[in-house]
Protein backbone atom coordinates (compact mmCIF):
# COMPACT_ATOMS: atom_id res chain seq x y z
CA MET A 1 5.24 -53.55 168.05
CA MET A 2 8.74 -53.55 169.51
CA PRO A 3 10.03 -50.01 168.92
CA ALA A 4 13.78 -50.54 169.42
CA SER A 5 15.38 -47.10 169.83
CA ASN A 6 12.17 -45.28 168.97
CA MET A 7 11.51 -45.87 172.68
CA LYS A 8 13.92 -42.98 173.23
CA ILE A 9 11.28 -40.61 171.82
CA LEU A 10 9.04 -41.35 174.82
CA THR A 11 11.96 -41.16 177.27
CA VAL A 12 13.26 -37.80 176.05
CA ALA A 13 9.78 -36.29 175.80
CA ALA A 14 8.87 -37.32 179.34
CA ALA A 15 12.26 -36.18 180.68
CA ALA A 16 11.86 -32.76 179.04
CA GLU A 17 8.44 -32.36 180.63
CA THR A 18 9.52 -33.71 184.02
CA LEU A 19 13.00 -32.23 184.41
CA GLY A 20 13.03 -29.33 181.95
CA TRP A 21 15.48 -28.67 179.14
CA ASP A 22 17.79 -26.74 181.48
CA TYR A 23 18.20 -29.62 183.94
CA ARG A 24 21.83 -30.36 184.88
CA TYR A 25 23.44 -33.19 186.83
CA THR A 26 25.90 -32.37 189.62
CA THR A 27 28.96 -34.28 190.78
CA THR A 28 30.85 -33.26 193.91
CA LEU A 29 34.19 -33.98 195.55
CA GLU A 30 33.88 -34.14 199.34
CA THR A 31 35.99 -35.01 202.36
CA THR A 32 35.82 -35.12 206.13
CA GLY A 33 39.57 -35.39 206.37
CA THR A 34 42.07 -32.74 207.41
CA ILE A 35 44.72 -31.15 205.23
CA GLU A 36 48.20 -30.98 206.71
CA ASP A 37 51.38 -30.02 204.85
CA GLY A 38 49.77 -30.68 201.46
CA VAL A 39 48.37 -34.08 202.49
CA LEU A 40 44.67 -34.87 202.74
CA ARG A 41 44.51 -37.19 205.73
CA GLY A 42 41.27 -38.96 204.98
CA ASP A 43 39.13 -40.17 202.14
CA LEU A 44 38.16 -38.25 199.03
CA VAL A 45 34.51 -38.99 198.25
CA VAL A 46 33.03 -38.35 194.81
CA ARG A 47 29.24 -38.11 194.94
CA GLY A 48 27.29 -38.56 191.71
CA THR A 49 23.72 -38.01 190.59
CA GLY A 50 24.00 -39.84 187.26
CA ASP A 51 25.87 -37.42 184.98
CA PRO A 52 26.47 -39.46 181.80
CA THR A 53 28.60 -36.79 180.11
CA ILE A 54 31.93 -37.22 181.92
CA ASN A 55 33.45 -38.88 178.89
CA SER A 56 35.65 -38.25 175.86
CA ARG A 57 32.99 -36.43 173.83
CA SER A 58 34.32 -32.88 173.39
CA ASP A 59 37.05 -33.86 175.87
CA ARG A 60 34.63 -33.17 178.71
CA ALA A 61 36.17 -35.79 181.02
CA ALA A 62 39.58 -34.18 180.67
CA HIS A 63 38.11 -30.74 181.39
CA VAL A 64 36.30 -32.04 184.49
CA LEU A 65 39.45 -33.73 185.79
CA ASP A 66 41.42 -30.54 185.23
CA GLU A 67 38.78 -28.62 187.22
CA TRP A 68 39.04 -31.09 190.07
CA ILE A 69 42.82 -31.01 190.09
CA GLY A 70 42.63 -27.23 190.27
CA ALA A 71 40.16 -27.42 193.16
CA LEU A 72 42.37 -29.85 195.07
CA ALA A 73 45.40 -27.65 194.47
CA ALA A 74 43.43 -24.60 195.65
CA ALA A 75 42.63 -26.52 198.85
CA GLY A 76 46.34 -27.20 199.30
CA ILE A 77 46.14 -30.93 198.51
CA ARG A 78 49.13 -32.52 196.81
CA ARG A 79 48.68 -36.04 198.18
CA ILE A 80 45.75 -38.08 199.49
CA ASP A 81 46.45 -40.36 202.43
CA GLY A 82 43.17 -42.24 202.13
CA ARG A 83 40.78 -43.82 199.67
CA ILE A 84 38.79 -42.64 196.69
CA ILE A 85 35.20 -43.54 197.51
CA GLY A 86 32.42 -43.47 194.93
CA ASN A 87 29.09 -42.45 196.44
CA ASP A 88 26.50 -43.76 193.99
CA GLN A 89 23.48 -43.76 196.30
CA ALA A 90 21.34 -41.54 194.05
CA PHE A 91 20.57 -44.62 191.92
CA ASP A 92 20.06 -48.26 192.73
CA ASP A 93 22.68 -50.79 191.64
CA GLU A 94 20.59 -52.48 188.94
CA GLY A 95 22.61 -51.46 185.91
CA LEU A 96 21.06 -53.68 183.25
CA GLY A 97 17.56 -53.55 181.81
CA ALA A 98 14.94 -56.29 181.82
CA GLY A 99 14.78 -58.09 178.51
CA TRP A 100 18.38 -57.31 177.52
CA ALA A 101 20.02 -60.30 175.84
CA TRP A 102 22.84 -62.12 177.61
CA ASP A 103 24.95 -62.44 174.45
CA TYR A 104 25.64 -58.72 174.00
CA LEU A 105 26.28 -57.59 177.58
CA GLN A 106 30.00 -57.21 176.82
CA TYR A 107 29.39 -54.56 174.19
CA GLY A 108 29.44 -50.83 174.84
CA TYR A 109 25.84 -50.29 173.77
CA ALA A 110 24.72 -52.45 176.72
CA ALA A 111 26.89 -50.72 179.34
CA PRO A 112 25.33 -50.71 182.84
CA VAL A 113 23.96 -47.49 184.33
CA GLY A 114 25.05 -45.95 187.63
CA ALA A 115 24.98 -42.69 189.55
CA LEU A 116 28.70 -42.33 188.77
CA GLN A 117 29.57 -42.86 185.11
CA TYR A 118 32.93 -42.39 183.44
CA ASP A 119 33.55 -42.63 179.70
CA GLU A 120 30.04 -44.03 179.15
CA ASP A 121 30.93 -47.04 181.33
CA VAL A 122 33.09 -48.69 178.70
CA ALA A 123 36.72 -49.70 179.06
CA ALA A 124 39.17 -49.81 176.18
CA LEU A 125 40.34 -53.26 175.05
CA VAL A 126 43.48 -53.18 172.90
CA VAL A 127 44.73 -56.30 171.11
CA THR A 128 48.13 -56.35 169.37
CA PRO A 129 49.99 -59.22 167.67
CA GLY A 130 52.74 -61.13 169.43
CA ALA A 131 56.36 -61.17 168.31
CA THR A 132 56.09 -64.35 166.24
CA VAL A 133 53.50 -66.39 164.35
CA GLY A 134 51.67 -68.64 166.79
CA ALA A 135 52.47 -66.47 169.80
CA PRO A 136 49.60 -65.30 172.03
CA ALA A 137 48.12 -61.95 171.15
CA THR A 138 48.99 -59.14 173.55
CA ILE A 139 45.96 -57.90 175.50
CA ARG A 140 45.53 -54.65 177.41
CA LEU A 141 42.26 -53.84 179.21
CA GLU A 142 41.74 -50.47 180.86
CA ASN A 143 41.93 -50.40 184.68
CA GLY A 144 38.74 -50.63 186.68
CA SER A 145 36.68 -52.67 184.23
CA GLY A 146 36.09 -55.35 186.87
CA LEU A 147 36.82 -58.04 184.29
CA VAL A 148 39.52 -60.70 184.27
CA VAL A 149 40.91 -61.45 180.81
CA LEU A 150 41.15 -64.99 179.45
CA ASN A 151 43.42 -64.65 176.42
CA ARG A 152 42.81 -67.19 173.67
CA GLY A 153 43.85 -64.80 170.92
CA TRP A 154 46.88 -65.68 168.82
CA THR A 155 49.19 -64.26 166.18
CA ALA A 156 48.61 -65.37 162.60
CA ALA A 157 50.83 -65.01 159.52
CA ALA A 158 51.28 -61.53 158.08
CA GLY A 159 48.43 -60.56 155.80
CA THR A 160 45.95 -62.93 157.45
CA GLU A 161 42.46 -61.63 158.14
CA THR A 162 41.96 -60.40 161.70
CA THR A 163 39.21 -62.33 163.50
CA ILE A 164 39.52 -61.05 167.06
CA ASP A 165 36.31 -61.34 169.06
CA TYR A 166 35.39 -61.28 172.74
CA ARG A 167 32.61 -62.49 175.00
CA ARG A 168 31.71 -62.09 178.64
CA HIS A 169 31.08 -65.16 180.76
CA LEU A 170 27.83 -65.12 182.70
CA GLU A 171 28.94 -67.08 185.74
CA GLN A 172 31.90 -64.83 186.55
CA PRO A 173 33.40 -61.48 185.46
CA LEU A 174 35.60 -63.12 182.83
CA LEU A 175 36.25 -61.63 179.39
CA GLU A 176 37.38 -64.25 176.89
CA ILE A 177 39.36 -63.05 173.88
CA THR A 178 39.37 -65.32 170.82
CA GLY A 179 40.51 -65.25 167.22
CA ALA A 180 43.63 -64.21 165.34
CA ILE A 181 45.50 -61.01 164.60
CA ALA A 182 48.10 -60.90 161.83
CA LEU A 183 51.79 -60.49 162.56
CA GLY A 184 52.70 -56.83 162.16
CA ALA A 185 49.06 -55.71 162.00
CA SER A 186 47.84 -52.53 163.66
CA ALA A 187 46.27 -52.83 167.08
CA VAL A 188 42.60 -53.77 167.31
CA THR A 189 40.69 -51.52 169.73
CA ARG A 190 37.27 -52.37 171.08
CA THR A 191 35.05 -51.01 173.85
CA VAL A 192 33.92 -53.33 176.63
CA ALA A 193 31.05 -52.68 179.03
CA VAL A 194 32.38 -52.54 182.59
CA VAL A 195 30.99 -54.60 185.45
CA ASN A 196 30.62 -51.87 188.10
CA PRO A 197 30.32 -48.26 186.86
CA THR A 198 31.16 -46.82 190.27
CA LEU A 199 34.40 -48.76 190.63
CA PHE A 200 35.35 -47.87 187.07
CA PHE A 201 34.73 -44.20 187.84
CA VAL A 202 36.78 -44.06 191.04
CA GLN A 203 39.62 -46.16 189.62
CA SER A 204 39.75 -43.87 186.58
CA LEU A 205 39.76 -40.86 188.90
CA LYS A 206 42.56 -42.35 191.00
CA ASP A 207 44.63 -43.04 187.87
CA ALA A 208 43.99 -39.52 186.58
CA LEU A 209 45.07 -37.99 189.89
CA ALA A 210 48.28 -40.00 189.84
CA ALA A 211 48.95 -38.98 186.23
CA ARG A 212 48.57 -35.34 187.28
CA GLY A 213 50.93 -35.66 190.24
CA ILE A 214 48.54 -36.35 193.13
CA ASP A 215 49.36 -39.68 194.74
CA VAL A 216 46.60 -41.65 196.48
CA THR A 217 47.71 -44.19 199.06
CA GLY A 218 44.38 -45.98 199.50
CA PRO A 219 42.30 -48.03 197.07
CA ALA A 220 39.41 -46.94 194.89
CA VAL A 221 36.20 -48.34 196.43
CA ASP A 222 32.44 -48.42 195.93
CA PHE A 223 30.46 -46.75 198.73
CA ASP A 224 28.41 -49.92 199.12
CA ASP A 225 31.50 -51.77 200.31
CA VAL A 226 32.19 -49.26 203.10
CA ALA A 227 28.65 -48.06 203.89
CA ALA A 228 28.77 -49.61 207.35
CA GLU A 229 31.55 -47.21 208.31
CA PHE A 230 29.38 -44.22 207.43
CA ALA A 231 26.35 -45.63 209.27
CA ALA A 232 28.21 -46.44 212.49
CA PRO A 233 27.29 -44.30 215.54
CA THR A 234 30.96 -43.34 215.94
CA SER A 235 31.34 -42.37 212.29
CA THR A 236 33.61 -39.43 211.55
CA HIS A 237 32.08 -39.01 208.10
CA ASP A 238 29.34 -36.55 209.06
CA SER A 239 29.18 -33.06 207.54
CA PRO A 240 31.66 -33.47 204.70
CA ARG A 241 33.37 -30.44 203.23
CA VAL A 242 32.72 -29.90 199.51
CA LEU A 243 35.93 -29.33 197.58
CA ALA A 244 34.47 -29.09 194.09
CA THR A 245 31.10 -29.17 192.34
CA THR A 246 30.73 -29.88 188.65
CA SER A 247 27.56 -29.40 186.63
CA SER A 248 26.79 -31.28 183.45
CA PRO A 249 25.67 -29.65 180.20
CA PRO A 250 21.90 -29.02 180.19
CA LEU A 251 19.39 -31.67 179.21
CA ARG A 252 18.88 -29.99 175.81
CA ASP A 253 22.53 -30.84 174.95
CA ILE A 254 22.45 -34.29 176.56
CA ALA A 255 19.33 -35.14 174.55
CA VAL A 256 21.00 -34.20 171.27
CA VAL A 257 23.72 -36.82 171.83
CA LEU A 258 21.17 -39.32 173.13
CA MET A 259 18.95 -39.09 170.07
CA LYS A 260 21.35 -38.39 167.22
CA VAL A 261 23.79 -41.21 168.04
CA SER A 262 21.14 -43.30 169.86
CA GLN A 263 23.13 -43.50 173.10
CA ASN A 264 21.47 -46.17 175.26
CA LEU A 265 23.29 -45.26 178.47
CA TYR A 266 21.99 -41.69 178.31
CA ALA A 267 18.42 -42.89 177.87
CA GLU A 268 18.58 -45.35 180.76
CA THR A 269 20.12 -42.62 182.92
CA LEU A 270 17.25 -40.25 182.12
CA LEU A 271 14.66 -42.85 183.06
CA LYS A 272 16.27 -43.33 186.48
CA THR A 273 16.72 -39.58 186.87
CA MET A 274 12.99 -39.04 186.35
CA GLY A 275 12.36 -41.55 189.11
CA ALA A 276 14.79 -39.78 191.44
CA ALA A 277 13.14 -36.43 190.65
CA ARG A 278 10.09 -37.62 192.57
CA GLY A 279 12.22 -37.47 195.70
CA GLY A 280 13.21 -41.10 195.98
CA LEU A 281 15.85 -43.49 194.74
CA GLY A 282 16.61 -43.48 191.04
CA THR A 283 15.24 -46.80 189.83
CA ILE A 284 13.82 -48.05 186.55
CA ALA A 285 10.51 -48.80 188.32
CA ALA A 286 10.28 -45.23 189.63
CA GLY A 287 11.11 -43.88 186.19
CA GLN A 288 8.46 -46.09 184.62
CA ARG A 289 5.84 -44.60 186.96
CA VAL A 290 6.83 -41.08 185.94
CA LEU A 291 6.71 -42.01 182.26
CA ARG A 292 3.32 -43.68 182.68
CA ASP A 293 1.89 -40.64 184.48
CA GLN A 294 3.19 -38.31 181.77
CA LEU A 295 1.77 -40.40 178.94
CA LYS A 296 -1.57 -40.48 180.73
CA ALA A 297 -1.48 -36.67 180.95
CA TRP A 298 -0.93 -36.62 177.19
CA MET A 299 -4.02 -38.81 176.72
CA VAL A 300 -2.03 -41.84 175.58
CA PRO A 301 -4.09 -44.96 176.43
CA ASP A 302 -2.53 -47.32 178.96
CA ASP A 303 -3.08 -50.28 176.64
CA SER A 304 -1.15 -48.71 173.74
CA TYR A 305 2.34 -49.30 175.11
CA VAL A 306 4.50 -51.41 177.42
CA ALA A 307 7.50 -49.42 178.65
CA VAL A 308 10.22 -51.52 180.28
CA ASP A 309 13.43 -49.56 179.72
CA GLY A 310 14.35 -46.11 178.48
CA SER A 311 16.53 -46.97 175.51
CA GLY A 312 14.52 -49.56 173.58
CA LEU A 313 17.21 -52.21 173.96
CA SER A 314 14.74 -54.49 175.74
CA ARG A 315 12.58 -56.82 173.69
CA TYR A 316 9.85 -56.40 176.33
CA ASN A 317 8.97 -52.90 175.10
CA TYR A 318 5.87 -52.55 172.94
CA VAL A 319 4.23 -49.46 171.47
CA THR A 320 1.75 -48.57 168.80
CA ALA A 321 2.72 -46.24 165.98
CA GLU A 322 -0.07 -43.96 167.19
CA THR A 323 1.57 -43.70 170.62
CA LEU A 324 4.73 -42.40 168.98
CA THR A 325 2.94 -39.97 166.67
CA THR A 326 0.86 -38.66 169.57
CA VAL A 327 3.96 -37.85 171.60
CA LEU A 328 5.79 -36.43 168.59
CA GLU A 329 2.84 -34.14 167.83
CA ARG A 330 2.71 -33.04 171.47
CA MET A 331 6.35 -32.02 171.38
CA TYR A 332 5.96 -30.28 168.03
CA ARG A 333 2.93 -28.21 169.07
CA ASP A 334 4.22 -27.25 172.53
CA PRO A 335 6.29 -24.02 172.25
CA ARG A 336 8.23 -25.02 175.39
CA HIS A 337 9.52 -28.12 173.63
CA HIS A 338 9.33 -27.51 169.87
CA ASP A 339 12.80 -26.13 169.11
CA ALA A 340 14.76 -28.16 171.66
CA PHE A 341 13.08 -31.45 170.79
CA LEU A 342 13.36 -31.09 167.02
CA ALA A 343 17.06 -30.24 167.46
CA THR A 344 17.61 -33.71 168.96
CA LEU A 345 16.34 -35.66 165.95
CA PRO A 346 18.74 -37.02 163.30
CA VAL A 347 18.47 -35.21 159.97
CA ALA A 348 18.03 -37.47 156.95
CA GLY A 349 21.18 -37.65 154.86
CA LYS A 350 22.99 -35.20 157.15
CA ASP A 351 23.76 -36.36 160.68
CA GLY A 352 23.32 -38.93 163.41
CA THR A 353 22.00 -42.38 162.70
CA ALA A 354 20.15 -41.06 159.63
CA SER A 355 23.25 -39.55 158.01
CA THR A 356 23.42 -42.13 155.20
CA ARG A 357 19.69 -42.46 154.59
CA MET A 358 17.40 -40.79 152.03
CA ARG A 359 20.29 -39.08 150.28
CA ARG A 360 19.62 -37.39 146.95
CA THR A 361 15.88 -37.33 147.63
CA ARG A 362 13.50 -34.57 148.65
CA ALA A 363 13.62 -36.04 152.17
CA GLU A 364 17.36 -35.32 152.53
CA GLY A 365 17.86 -32.45 154.95
CA ASN A 366 14.08 -32.34 155.33
CA ALA A 367 13.04 -35.41 157.33
CA LEU A 368 13.83 -35.35 161.05
CA ALA A 369 13.56 -38.92 162.30
CA LYS A 370 14.64 -41.24 165.09
CA THR A 371 15.86 -44.58 163.84
CA GLY A 372 15.62 -47.86 165.72
CA SER A 373 17.41 -51.17 165.35
CA ILE A 374 17.59 -54.43 167.28
CA SER A 375 17.42 -57.97 165.91
CA ASN A 376 14.43 -58.32 163.56
CA VAL A 377 13.18 -54.86 164.53
CA ARG A 378 13.50 -51.64 162.54
CA SER A 379 11.73 -48.37 163.26
CA LEU A 380 11.66 -44.83 161.92
CA SER A 381 9.53 -42.04 163.41
CA GLY A 382 9.59 -38.29 163.07
CA PHE A 383 8.62 -35.40 160.82
CA VAL A 384 8.85 -34.55 157.13
CA ARG A 385 7.64 -31.56 155.13
CA THR A 386 5.71 -32.02 151.87
CA ARG A 387 6.15 -30.08 148.63
CA ASP A 388 3.35 -27.80 149.82
CA GLY A 389 5.19 -26.99 153.03
CA GLU A 390 2.85 -29.06 155.19
CA MET A 391 4.55 -30.77 158.14
CA LEU A 392 3.63 -34.43 158.56
CA VAL A 393 4.32 -36.72 161.50
CA PHE A 394 4.93 -40.41 160.85
CA SER A 395 5.89 -43.64 162.57
CA ILE A 396 6.98 -46.81 160.77
CA LEU A 397 7.54 -49.96 162.83
CA ALA A 398 8.65 -53.33 161.45
CA ASN A 399 8.93 -56.53 163.51
CA ASP A 400 9.54 -60.23 162.88
CA PHE A 401 10.75 -59.92 159.30
CA VAL A 402 12.91 -62.49 157.53
CA ILE A 403 14.05 -60.36 154.59
CA PRO A 404 17.30 -58.36 154.93
CA SER A 405 17.09 -55.46 157.35
CA ALA A 406 18.59 -53.19 154.67
CA THR A 407 15.47 -53.86 152.59
CA ILE A 408 13.24 -52.88 155.50
CA ASN A 409 15.17 -49.62 155.88
CA TRP A 410 14.87 -48.97 152.14
CA ILE A 411 11.09 -49.47 152.26
CA ALA A 412 10.77 -47.10 155.24
CA ASP A 413 12.97 -44.50 153.54
CA LEU A 414 10.92 -44.79 150.36
CA ALA A 415 7.74 -44.18 152.38
CA VAL A 416 9.20 -41.00 153.88
CA GLU A 417 10.48 -39.87 150.49
CA THR A 418 6.96 -40.40 149.10
CA LEU A 419 5.53 -38.22 151.86
CA SER A 420 8.10 -35.52 151.13
CA ASN A 421 6.97 -35.48 147.48
CA PHE A 422 3.29 -35.21 148.32
CA THR A 423 1.35 -32.20 147.02
CA ARG A 424 -2.33 -31.34 147.12
CA LYS A 425 -2.09 -29.43 143.86
């Protein structure tokens, strides 16, 4: 069965075993330039290993930028006479997963993965009404998205329903805005998946430096576009000096966000990170090999799953319910993983993607379960305790249904509630 986001159970479990719950990503600021009279004469290179947490959650991006500004100031840098270069060579440049649908690539949940990732690789799109009825809507798209806006949005009469939508063209990086926004209405804000995570990162860094008083004379560029300079025999880019090093929160914290809100970007990042941990390039294929080896070690049969991506967004993923329960039981029984893994799962009726489910039942606050949802797929797998205090593991997978998805969720919730009410007495 297609597991949707229940695929994340396998990804997180394998990552915990491969990397360890204390694993942290590092991001560094480097330069081979000289500093004279407050000016860095040369490029500032930011080297990433995939940290997905430099974003607005808990204001971490702002804290990281403040750290870097402080490090630059400590080095005597008030201006950069050079470029901001994003070194993303820890991962390959294949940001999208196999089996992802073309018609949702503009949305934040399908953001591409890279070794440098800022604000979860989504740019803010803000649409406001024009000055008069019939006037074009006003569009603002955050710098560095790599997209060109085609504005077909317009201003409708006051009180009219807002119908703003957007789609990404496949043949070129064009974002087409359509629909109406009412005169005098509040701005409509959406998130748009960027084209190149590295360029988005370095452009955002350049803008942040400027906002904090450090001017950068050169452009923000992807390392791939200037790699020949670094490979040249006469290159002056050898032995860079590290100006700052930032570590991410540990995997145990990253996994909580990944599982509770079902963050696809985090899951895809972990799959590539597992591949890179073997000493090579971070690729989906390398991550798949690590996942396959780990499942084999856990005695999961090779013919009981097809793992294509880390998030479950792909419709090429297939698992059996027994595969999921086997891995869940492994994590539950292993004292190295028990507490950290269970802490990642949404709590029924309380938090994450299960916050509105199973309320006012014995399963509320009791069931710990990962939800899953893509078109015509719903899944729910995790743990629930019975009236007798016995812990049960379960996995419920539904594919190819034609009844409303809300009904499928209700049936799954009712099954878990029934388990929670079970007693041997």
